[in-house]
Amino acid sequence: MLVLDMHERRNALDITACDALREAFETALAKGARAIVVTGQGSCFCAGADLSGVYDQGFRTALYGMLRTITAASVPVIAAVNGPAIGAGTQLAIACDLRVAAQTARFAVPTARKGLAVDPWTVRRLALLAGGGSARALLIGGETIGAEVAFARGLVDRLGDLPDALAWAREVAAFASQSLAYSKKALESMFEPRLWDAELDAAFERCWPDTGATS
């Protein structure tokens, strides 16, 4: 189990936290983990990005490097969403294969409120998991989705707490590892090919100011 333990700032991610989580994943995989659970310490899963450094190109590199490590893992990764998963917290949750959400969980991607943006992968992943309507509600409408609604829309796979997520992880860890790795690879290759329009990537980059401004 990997735990975000920056509860004094509601587990908000900065470069150091992203790098640490990526390295923890790599270590767990190198040690032969058959399944990995990610959760947050305290009452929040992840409040998003630490806005003091979010405009730094280095943060985007660290964030998306960490997310790619999670999605590329050959073993099942389960997010135990124990509370709010906001912005980068939602990105972290959807990077995992499965999501178990407590009643206190909620999801939001308030980038438009802050003059930011999420990459095309996040947009597509949200739409694949929760449907285009939910993706629009989150990204354009600024909606916050609670656990029950997230479960009904497919953004969450099960309702429950950390013990429920750990029990599920123990169950899937006993499955055939080659079958799991194949299913993960097949799902990604069929539904999430890494092809983007150059203009879309350029539009994403234009959402990020080059200054060191904070909000």
C-alpha atoms as a PDB file:
ATOM      1  CA  MET A   1       0.000   0.000   0.000  1.00  0.00           C
ATOM      2  CA  LEU A   2       1.259   3.474  -0.894  1.00  0.00           C
ATOM      3  CA  VAL A   3       0.021   6.399   1.191  1.00  0.00           C
ATOM      4  CA  LEU A   4       0.138  10.099   0.386  1.00  0.00           C
ATOM      5  CA  ASP A   5       1.226  11.468   3.749  1.00  0.00           C
ATOM      6  CA  MET A   6       1.191  15.262   3.457  1.00  0.00           C
ATOM      7  CA  HIS A   7      -2.026  15.709   5.388  1.00  0.00           C
ATOM      8  CA  GLU A   8      -0.957  19.143   6.659  1.00  0.00           C
ATOM      9  CA  ARG A   9      -1.541  20.355   3.084  1.00  0.00           C
ATOM     10  CA  ARG A  10      -4.333  17.878   2.336  1.00  0.00           C
ATOM     11  CA  ASN A  11      -1.951  15.665   0.323  1.00  0.00           C
ATOM     12  CA  ALA A  12      -1.520  18.275  -2.419  1.00  0.00           C
ATOM     13  CA  LEU A  13       1.112  17.230  -4.932  1.00  0.00           C
ATOM     14  CA  ASP A  14       4.327  19.049  -5.712  1.00  0.00           C
ATOM     15  CA  ILE A  15       7.414  17.928  -7.634  1.00  0.00           C
ATOM     16  CA  THR A  16       8.883  16.155  -4.611  1.00  0.00           C
ATOM     17  CA  ALA A  17       5.653  14.262  -3.890  1.00  0.00           C
ATOM     18  CA  CYS A  18       5.192  13.228  -7.530  1.00  0.00           C
ATOM     19  CA  ASP A  19       8.765  11.972  -7.768  1.00  0.00           C
ATOM     20  CA  ALA A  20       8.445  10.135  -4.453  1.00  0.00           C
ATOM     21  CA  LEU A  21       5.222   8.416  -5.524  1.00  0.00           C
ATOM     22  CA  ARG A  22       6.716   7.420  -8.872  1.00  0.00           C
ATOM     23  CA  GLU A  23       9.787   5.996  -7.145  1.00  0.00           C
ATOM     24  CA  ALA A  24       7.610   4.153  -4.619  1.00  0.00           C
ATOM     25  CA  PHE A  25       5.699   2.527  -7.476  1.00  0.00           C
ATOM     26  CA  GLU A  26       8.904   1.521  -9.209  1.00  0.00           C
ATOM     27  CA  THR A  27      10.246   0.036  -5.964  1.00  0.00           C
ATOM     28  CA  ALA A  28       7.041  -1.890  -5.262  1.00  0.00           C
ATOM     29  CA  LEU A  29       7.041  -3.321  -8.773  1.00  0.00           C
ATOM     30  CA  ALA A  30      10.732  -4.236  -8.554  1.00  0.00           C
ATOM     31  CA  LYS A  31      10.002  -6.117  -5.329  1.00  0.00           C
ATOM     32  CA  GLY A  32       7.341  -8.189  -7.079  1.00  0.00           C
ATOM     33  CA  ALA A  33       4.114  -6.576  -5.880  1.00  0.00           C
ATOM     34  CA  ARG A  34       1.092  -8.354  -7.380  1.00  0.00           C
ATOM     35  CA  ALA A  35      -1.294  -5.445  -6.724  1.00  0.00           C
ATOM     36  CA  ILE A  36      -0.901  -1.921  -5.359  1.00  0.00           C
ATOM     37  CA  VAL A  37      -3.328   0.239  -3.386  1.00  0.00           C
ATOM     38  CA  VAL A  38      -2.932   4.028  -3.312  1.00  0.00           C
ATOM     39  CA  THR A  39      -4.658   6.153  -0.678  1.00  0.00           C
ATOM     40  CA  GLY A  40      -4.309   9.382   1.256  1.00  0.00           C
ATOM     41  CA  GLN A  41      -3.498   9.985   4.897  1.00  0.00           C
ATOM     42  CA  GLY A  42      -6.118  11.837   6.898  1.00  0.00           C
ATOM     43  CA  SER A  43      -9.472  12.942   5.537  1.00  0.00           C
ATOM     44  CA  CYS A  44      -8.357  13.829   1.988  1.00  0.00           C
ATOM     45  CA  PHE A  45      -7.219  11.592  -0.859  1.00  0.00           C
ATOM     46  CA  CYS A  46      -5.452  14.406  -2.709  1.00  0.00           C
ATOM     47  CA  ALA A  47      -6.469  18.064  -2.830  1.00  0.00           C
ATOM     48  CA  GLY A  48      -4.760  18.541  -6.187  1.00  0.00           C
ATOM     49  CA  ALA A  49      -1.562  20.305  -7.113  1.00  0.00           C
ATOM     50  CA  ASP A  50       0.329  22.538  -4.743  1.00  0.00           C
ATOM     51  CA  LEU A  51      -0.413  25.843  -6.465  1.00  0.00           C
ATOM     52  CA  SER A  52       2.864  27.381  -5.314  1.00  0.00           C
ATOM     53  CA  GLY A  53       4.648  25.350  -7.992  1.00  0.00           C
ATOM     54  CA  VAL A  54       1.954  24.291 -10.443  1.00  0.00           C
ATOM     55  CA  TYR A  55       3.056  26.740 -13.155  1.00  0.00           C
ATOM     56  CA  ASP A  56       6.562  25.304 -13.240  1.00  0.00           C
ATOM     57  CA  GLN A  57       7.244  23.093 -16.274  1.00  0.00           C
ATOM     58  CA  GLY A  58       9.099  20.803 -13.900  1.00  0.00           C
ATOM     59  CA  PHE A  59       5.881  20.101 -12.038  1.00  0.00           C
ATOM     60  CA  ARG A  60       4.057  19.018 -15.178  1.00  0.00           C
ATOM     61  CA  THR A  61       6.976  16.768 -16.074  1.00  0.00           C
ATOM     62  CA  ALA A  62       6.932  15.186 -12.602  1.00  0.00           C
ATOM     63  CA  LEU A  63       3.129  14.842 -12.501  1.00  0.00           C
ATOM     64  CA  TYR A  64       2.722  13.209 -15.892  1.00  0.00           C
ATOM     65  CA  GLY A  65       5.797  11.053 -15.374  1.00  0.00           C
ATOM     66  CA  MET A  66       4.218   9.725 -12.193  1.00  0.00           C
ATOM     67  CA  LEU A  67       0.847   9.144 -13.872  1.00  0.00           C
ATOM     68  CA  ARG A  68       2.488   7.307 -16.780  1.00  0.00           C
ATOM     69  CA  THR A  69       4.333   5.048 -14.334  1.00  0.00           C
ATOM     70  CA  ILE A  70       1.019   4.096 -12.731  1.00  0.00           C
ATOM     71  CA  THR A  71      -0.789   3.435 -16.007  1.00  0.00           C
ATOM     72  CA  ALA A  72       2.166   1.438 -17.355  1.00  0.00           C
ATOM     73  CA  ALA A  73       2.324  -0.868 -14.323  1.00  0.00           C
ATOM     74  CA  SER A  74       1.695  -4.473 -15.316  1.00  0.00           C
ATOM     75  CA  VAL A  75      -0.128  -5.214 -12.050  1.00  0.00           C
ATOM     76  CA  PRO A  76      -3.554  -3.937 -10.929  1.00  0.00           C
ATOM     77  CA  VAL A  77      -3.506  -0.580  -9.160  1.00  0.00           C
ATOM     78  CA  ILE A  78      -6.451   0.346  -6.938  1.00  0.00           C
ATOM     79  CA  ALA A  79      -7.185   3.842  -5.656  1.00  0.00           C
ATOM     80  CA  ALA A  80      -8.767   3.899  -2.206  1.00  0.00           C
ATOM     81  CA  VAL A  81     -10.329   7.344  -2.460  1.00  0.00           C
ATOM     82  CA  ASN A  82     -10.827   8.191   1.191  1.00  0.00           C
ATOM     83  CA  GLY A  83     -11.909  11.804   0.681  1.00  0.00           C
ATOM     84  CA  PRO A  84     -11.758  14.655  -1.851  1.00  0.00           C
ATOM     85  CA  ALA A  85      -9.809  13.956  -5.044  1.00  0.00           C
ATOM     86  CA  ILE A  86      -9.509  17.358  -6.651  1.00  0.00           C
ATOM     87  CA  GLY A  87      -7.669  18.265  -9.869  1.00  0.00           C
ATOM     88  CA  ALA A  88      -4.458  16.243  -9.832  1.00  0.00           C
ATOM     89  CA  GLY A  89      -6.163  14.064  -7.213  1.00  0.00           C
ATOM     90  CA  THR A  90      -8.778  13.040  -9.762  1.00  0.00           C
ATOM     91  CA  GLN A  91      -5.987  12.466 -12.274  1.00  0.00           C
ATOM     92  CA  LEU A  92      -4.220  10.197  -9.786  1.00  0.00           C
ATOM     93  CA  ALA A  93      -7.432   8.269  -9.124  1.00  0.00           C
ATOM     94  CA  ILE A  94      -8.216   7.704 -12.796  1.00  0.00           C
ATOM     95  CA  ALA A  95      -4.642   6.661 -13.543  1.00  0.00           C
ATOM     96  CA  CYS A  96      -5.329   3.642 -11.349  1.00  0.00           C
ATOM     97  CA  ASP A  97      -7.109   0.631 -12.812  1.00  0.00           C
ATOM     98  CA  LEU A  98      -9.863   0.512 -10.206  1.00  0.00           C
ATOM     99  CA  ARG A  99     -11.346   2.965  -7.720  1.00  0.00           C
ATOM    100  CA  VAL A 100     -12.964   2.265  -4.342  1.00  0.00           C
ATOM    101  CA  ALA A 101     -14.553   5.392  -2.910  1.00  0.00           C
ATOM    102  CA  ALA A 102     -15.603   6.203   0.631  1.00  0.00           C
ATOM    103  CA  GLN A 103     -18.807   8.134   1.202  1.00  0.00           C
ATOM    104  CA  THR A 104     -16.691  11.236   1.832  1.00  0.00           C
ATOM    105  CA  ALA A 105     -15.025  11.031  -1.578  1.00  0.00           C
ATOM    106  CA  ARG A 106     -15.701  13.658  -4.193  1.00  0.00           C
ATOM    107  CA  PHE A 107     -14.161  14.393  -7.576  1.00  0.00           C
ATOM    108  CA  ALA A 108     -13.580  17.709  -9.311  1.00  0.00           C
ATOM    109  CA  VAL A 109     -11.270  19.115 -11.988  1.00  0.00           C
ATOM    110  CA  PRO A 110     -11.566  22.896 -11.485  1.00  0.00           C
ATOM    111  CA  THR A 111      -8.886  23.854 -13.990  1.00  0.00           C
ATOM    112  CA  ALA A 112     -11.051  26.416 -15.793  1.00  0.00           C
ATOM    113  CA  ARG A 113     -11.562  28.270 -12.510  1.00  0.00           C
ATOM    114  CA  LYS A 114      -7.791  28.580 -12.113  1.00  0.00           C
ATOM    115  CA  GLY A 115      -6.802  29.243 -15.711  1.00  0.00           C
ATOM    116  CA  LEU A 116      -5.109  25.857 -16.051  1.00  0.00           C
ATOM    117  CA  ALA A 117      -5.724  22.720 -18.121  1.00  0.00           C
ATOM    118  CA  VAL A 118      -5.322  18.969 -17.997  1.00  0.00           C
ATOM    119  CA  ASP A 119      -3.636  17.054 -20.791  1.00  0.00           C
ATOM    120  CA  PRO A 120      -5.539  15.195 -23.556  1.00  0.00           C
ATOM    121  CA  TRP A 121      -4.931  11.847 -21.836  1.00  0.00           C
ATOM    122  CA  THR A 122      -6.874  13.019 -18.774  1.00  0.00           C
ATOM    123  CA  VAL A 123      -9.771  14.247 -20.903  1.00  0.00           C
ATOM    124  CA  ARG A 124     -10.027  10.946 -22.739  1.00  0.00           C
ATOM    125  CA  ARG A 125      -9.581   8.812 -19.617  1.00  0.00           C
ATOM    126  CA  LEU A 126     -12.356  10.738 -17.847  1.00  0.00           C
ATOM    127  CA  ALA A 127     -14.672  10.305 -20.819  1.00  0.00           C
ATOM    128  CA  LEU A 128     -13.872   6.584 -21.095  1.00  0.00           C
ATOM    129  CA  LEU A 129     -14.545   5.930 -17.431  1.00  0.00           C
ATOM    130  CA  ALA A 130     -17.449   8.240 -16.645  1.00  0.00           C
ATOM    131  CA  GLY A 131     -18.836   9.148 -20.075  1.00  0.00           C
ATOM    132  CA  GLY A 132     -18.579  12.262 -22.176  1.00  0.00           C
ATOM    133  CA  GLY A 133     -21.344  14.009 -20.256  1.00  0.00           C
ATOM    134  CA  SER A 134     -19.554  13.621 -16.944  1.00  0.00           C
ATOM    135  CA  ALA A 135     -16.256  14.728 -18.469  1.00  0.00           C
ATOM    136  CA  ARG A 136     -17.939  17.872 -19.767  1.00  0.00           C
ATOM    137  CA  ALA A 137     -19.615  18.489 -16.416  1.00  0.00           C
ATOM    138  CA  LEU A 138     -16.274  18.253 -14.624  1.00  0.00           C
ATOM    139  CA  LEU A 139     -14.078  20.104 -17.112  1.00  0.00           C
ATOM    140  CA  ILE A 140     -16.476  22.710 -18.495  1.00  0.00           C
ATOM    141  CA  GLY A 141     -19.262  22.938 -15.944  1.00  0.00           C
ATOM    142  CA  GLY A 142     -17.001  22.915 -12.902  1.00  0.00           C
ATOM    143  CA  GLU A 143     -19.141  20.223 -11.292  1.00  0.00           C
ATOM    144  CA  THR A 144     -18.113  18.330  -8.177  1.00  0.00           C
ATOM    145  CA  ILE A 145     -19.217  14.689  -8.174  1.00  0.00           C
ATOM    146  CA  GLY A 146     -19.814  12.808  -4.932  1.00  0.00           C
ATOM    147  CA  ALA A 147     -19.149   9.132  -4.352  1.00  0.00           C
ATOM    148  CA  GLU A 148     -22.661   7.869  -5.069  1.00  0.00           C
ATOM    149  CA  VAL A 149     -22.937   9.777  -8.348  1.00  0.00           C
ATOM    150  CA  ALA A 150     -19.401   8.772  -9.334  1.00  0.00           C
ATOM    151  CA  PHE A 151     -20.315   5.134  -8.738  1.00  0.00           C
ATOM    152  CA  ALA A 152     -23.512   5.456 -10.781  1.00  0.00           C
ATOM    153  CA  ARG A 153     -21.599   7.025 -13.679  1.00  0.00           C
ATOM    154  CA  GLY A 154     -18.753   4.499 -13.679  1.00  0.00           C
ATOM    155  CA  LEU A 155     -16.023   6.785 -12.386  1.00  0.00           C
ATOM    156  CA  VAL A 156     -15.934   4.642  -9.225  1.00  0.00           C
ATOM    157  CA  ASP A 157     -16.020   0.830  -9.314  1.00  0.00           C
ATOM    158  CA  ARG A 158     -17.016   0.107  -5.726  1.00  0.00           C
ATOM    159  CA  LEU A 159     -18.172   2.062  -2.704  1.00  0.00           C
ATOM    160  CA  GLY A 160     -16.167   1.301   0.413  1.00  0.00           C
ATOM    161  CA  ASP A 161     -13.291   2.216   2.673  1.00  0.00           C
ATOM    162  CA  LEU A 162      -9.600   1.342   2.736  1.00  0.00           C
ATOM    163  CA  PRO A 163     -10.165  -2.173   4.161  1.00  0.00           C
ATOM    164  CA  ASP A 164     -12.477  -2.885   1.216  1.00  0.00           C
ATOM    165  CA  ALA A 165      -9.829  -1.725  -1.241  1.00  0.00           C
ATOM    166  CA  LEU A 166      -7.164  -3.825   0.460  1.00  0.00           C
ATOM    167  CA  ALA A 167      -9.422  -6.877   0.409  1.00  0.00           C
ATOM    168  CA  TRP A 168     -10.034  -6.394  -3.312  1.00  0.00           C
ATOM    169  CA  ALA A 169      -6.295  -5.999  -3.896  1.00  0.00           C
ATOM    170  CA  ARG A 170      -5.613  -9.289  -2.073  1.00  0.00           C
ATOM    171  CA  GLU A 171      -8.252 -10.956  -4.222  1.00  0.00           C
ATOM    172  CA  VAL A 172      -6.923  -9.751  -7.569  1.00  0.00           C
ATOM    173  CA  ALA A 173      -3.323 -10.378  -6.489  1.00  0.00           C
ATOM    174  CA  ALA A 174      -4.198 -14.084  -6.508  1.00  0.00           C
ATOM    175  CA  PHE A 175      -5.337 -13.951 -10.140  1.00  0.00           C
ATOM    176  CA  ALA A 176      -3.111 -15.052 -13.025  1.00  0.00           C
ATOM    177  CA  SER A 177      -0.541 -12.306 -13.477  1.00  0.00           C
ATOM    178  CA  GLN A 178      -0.121 -12.850 -17.208  1.00  0.00           C
ATOM    179  CA  SER A 179      -3.878 -12.610 -17.763  1.00  0.00           C
ATOM    180  CA  LEU A 180      -4.043  -9.358 -15.799  1.00  0.00           C
ATOM    181  CA  ALA A 181      -1.087  -7.869 -17.659  1.00  0.00           C
ATOM    182  CA  TYR A 182      -2.638  -8.851 -20.995  1.00  0.00           C
ATOM    183  CA  SER A 183      -6.006  -7.349 -20.106  1.00  0.00           C
ATOM    184  CA  LYS A 184      -4.393  -4.075 -19.047  1.00  0.00           C
ATOM    185  CA  LYS A 185      -2.345  -3.869 -22.227  1.00  0.00           C
ATOM    186  CA  ALA A 186      -5.288  -4.794 -24.449  1.00  0.00           C
ATOM    187  CA  LEU A 187      -7.582  -2.214 -22.856  1.00  0.00           C
ATOM    188  CA  GLU A 188      -4.991   0.508 -23.286  1.00  0.00           C
ATOM    189  CA  SER A 189      -4.018  -0.377 -26.840  1.00  0.00           C
ATOM    190  CA  MET A 190      -7.630  -0.581 -28.031  1.00  0.00           C
ATOM    191  CA  PHE A 191      -9.076   2.410 -26.206  1.00  0.00           C
ATOM    192  CA  GLU A 192      -6.157   4.663 -25.354  1.00  0.00           C
ATOM    193  CA  PRO A 193      -3.631   4.769 -28.191  1.00  0.00           C
ATOM    194  CA  ARG A 194      -1.009   7.428 -27.532  1.00  0.00           C
ATOM    195  CA  LEU A 195      -1.771   9.510 -30.596  1.00  0.00           C
ATOM    196  CA  TRP A 196      -2.597  13.201 -30.285  1.00  0.00           C
ATOM    197  CA  ASP A 197      -3.236  15.941 -32.765  1.00  0.00           C
ATOM    198  CA  ALA A 198      -0.338  18.419 -32.710  1.00  0.00           C
ATOM    199  CA  GLU A 199      -2.775  21.314 -32.515  1.00  0.00           C
ATOM    200  CA  LEU A 200      -4.406  19.778 -29.429  1.00  0.00           C
ATOM    201  CA  ASP A 201      -1.041  19.466 -27.674  1.00  0.00           C
ATOM    202  CA  ALA A 202      -0.213  23.043 -28.620  1.00  0.00           C
ATOM    203  CA  ALA A 203      -3.550  24.267 -27.256  1.00  0.00           C
ATOM    204  CA  PHE A 204      -2.835  22.467 -23.973  1.00  0.00           C
ATOM    205  CA  GLU A 205       0.552  24.168 -23.660  1.00  0.00           C
ATOM    206  CA  ARG A 206      -0.947  27.591 -24.324  1.00  0.00           C
ATOM    207  CA  CYS A 207      -3.075  27.207 -21.180  1.00  0.00           C
ATOM    208  CA  TRP A 208       0.079  27.365 -19.061  1.00  0.00           C
ATOM    209  CA  PRO A 209       1.714  30.781 -18.589  1.00  0.00           C
ATOM    210  CA  ASP A 210       5.495  30.899 -18.756  1.00  0.00           C
ATOM    211  CA  THR A 211       5.651  33.210 -15.733  1.00  0.00           C
ATOM    212  CA  GLY A 212       6.095  32.077 -12.189  1.00  0.00           C
ATOM    213  CA  ALA A 213       2.720  33.441 -11.135  1.00  0.00           C
ATOM    214  CA  THR A 214       0.771  31.631  -8.435  1.00  0.00           C
ATOM    215  CA  SER A 215      -2.883  31.562  -7.476  1.00  0.00           C
END
